[in-house]
Amino acid sequence: MDANTGKIIDGDIKAHTHQCIKNISNILDAAGSNITRVVKVNVFLSDMDDFAEMNSVYTLYWGDVKPARTCVSVKRLPLDTDVEIECIAVL
């Protein structure tokens, strides 16, 4: 979602993954943490065929030292988006 409009941004799974991680990063920064302090990530995909493209973006942010991750396919996500990401980070 675009943080200003609350609407799903245009684009494909890669664009949506970038936006999810950007939103996570902004929330963590506001809480006094940052994306390097993420210890667990849960990724929800509406189509597991999108895993490789989502993962290519995910790797840009977490590189070789990735936090623990779960990725599951779900039947449907809110607002019919294709990806949702949640995480746990330390302060």
Protein backbone atom coordinates (compact mmCIF):
# COMPACT_ATOMS: atom_id res chain seq x y z
CA MET A 1 0.00 0.00 0.00
CA ASP A 2 1.02 3.54 -0.55
CA ALA A 3 1.44 4.99 2.94
CA ASN A 4 -0.14 8.30 1.89
CA THR A 5 -3.20 7.04 0.02
CA GLY A 6 -3.79 3.63 1.63
CA LYS A 7 -4.23 2.14 -1.83
CA ILE A 8 -2.35 -0.71 -3.47
CA ILE A 9 0.29 0.70 -5.79
CA ASP A 10 0.30 -0.16 -9.47
CA GLY A 11 2.77 -2.76 -10.62
CA ASP A 12 3.74 -6.38 -10.38
CA ILE A 13 4.90 -8.61 -7.52
CA LYS A 14 8.34 -6.97 -7.58
CA ALA A 15 6.90 -3.47 -7.21
CA HIS A 16 4.58 -4.66 -4.44
CA THR A 17 7.43 -6.39 -2.60
CA HIS A 18 9.56 -3.23 -2.79
CA GLN A 19 6.64 -1.22 -1.39
CA CYS A 20 6.02 -3.71 1.45
CA ILE A 21 9.66 -3.57 2.52
CA LYS A 22 9.77 0.21 2.15
CA ASN A 23 6.73 0.46 4.45
CA ILE A 24 8.32 -1.93 6.95
CA SER A 25 11.52 0.10 6.90
CA ASN A 26 9.62 3.35 7.55
CA ILE A 27 7.72 1.83 10.47
CA LEU A 28 10.90 0.41 11.99
CA ASP A 29 12.71 3.75 11.61
CA ALA A 30 9.84 5.53 13.35
CA ALA A 31 10.04 3.00 16.21
CA GLY A 32 13.78 3.55 16.67
CA SER A 33 14.89 0.37 14.91
CA ASN A 34 15.76 -0.44 11.31
CA ILE A 35 15.56 -3.16 8.71
CA THR A 36 18.95 -4.63 9.71
CA ARG A 37 17.45 -5.49 13.10
CA VAL A 38 14.71 -7.73 11.70
CA VAL A 39 14.92 -11.24 13.15
CA LYS A 40 11.84 -12.92 11.63
CA VAL A 41 9.83 -12.33 8.47
CA ASN A 42 6.54 -13.87 7.37
CA VAL A 43 5.71 -13.55 3.68
CA PHE A 44 2.24 -14.32 2.37
CA LEU A 45 1.81 -14.83 -1.38
CA SER A 46 -1.45 -15.24 -3.24
CA ASP A 47 0.42 -17.31 -5.84
CA MET A 48 3.51 -19.34 -4.96
CA ASP A 49 4.60 -19.03 -8.62
CA ASP A 50 5.58 -15.45 -7.64
CA PHE A 51 8.16 -16.69 -5.11
CA ALA A 52 11.25 -16.24 -7.32
CA GLU A 53 10.37 -12.66 -8.27
CA MET A 54 9.46 -11.74 -4.68
CA ASN A 55 12.67 -13.36 -3.45
CA SER A 56 14.79 -11.40 -5.94
CA VAL A 57 13.56 -8.17 -4.33
CA TYR A 58 13.72 -9.55 -0.78
CA THR A 59 17.39 -10.43 -1.31
CA LEU A 60 18.17 -6.83 -2.30
CA TYR A 61 17.21 -5.71 1.20
CA TRP A 62 18.49 -8.58 3.32
CA GLY A 63 21.32 -9.93 1.15
CA ASP A 64 23.24 -12.97 2.32
CA VAL A 65 22.46 -12.49 6.02
CA LYS A 66 18.72 -12.96 5.98
CA PRO A 67 16.49 -13.12 9.03
CA ALA A 68 14.51 -16.30 9.67
CA ARG A 69 11.66 -16.46 7.18
CA THR A 70 8.41 -18.26 6.56
CA CYS A 71 6.71 -17.99 3.19
CA VAL A 72 3.25 -19.39 2.61
CA SER A 73 0.71 -19.31 -0.14
CA VAL A 74 -2.72 -18.07 0.85
CA LYS A 75 -6.00 -18.17 -0.99
CA ARG A 76 -6.61 -14.43 -0.84
CA LEU A 77 -5.03 -11.33 0.70
CA PRO A 78 -6.70 -8.09 1.78
CA LEU A 79 -7.50 -5.74 -1.11
CA ASP A 80 -6.66 -8.64 -3.46
CA THR A 81 -2.96 -7.84 -3.40
CA ASP A 82 -0.41 -10.48 -4.29
CA VAL A 83 2.01 -10.15 -1.35
CA GLU A 84 1.92 -9.21 2.31
CA ILE A 85 4.97 -9.13 4.57
CA GLU A 86 5.18 -8.89 8.35
CA CYS A 87 8.23 -8.95 10.55
CA ILE A 88 9.62 -8.92 14.05
CA ALA A 89 12.57 -6.67 14.82
CA VAL A 90 14.51 -5.72 17.91
CA LEU A 91 15.08 -2.20 19.10
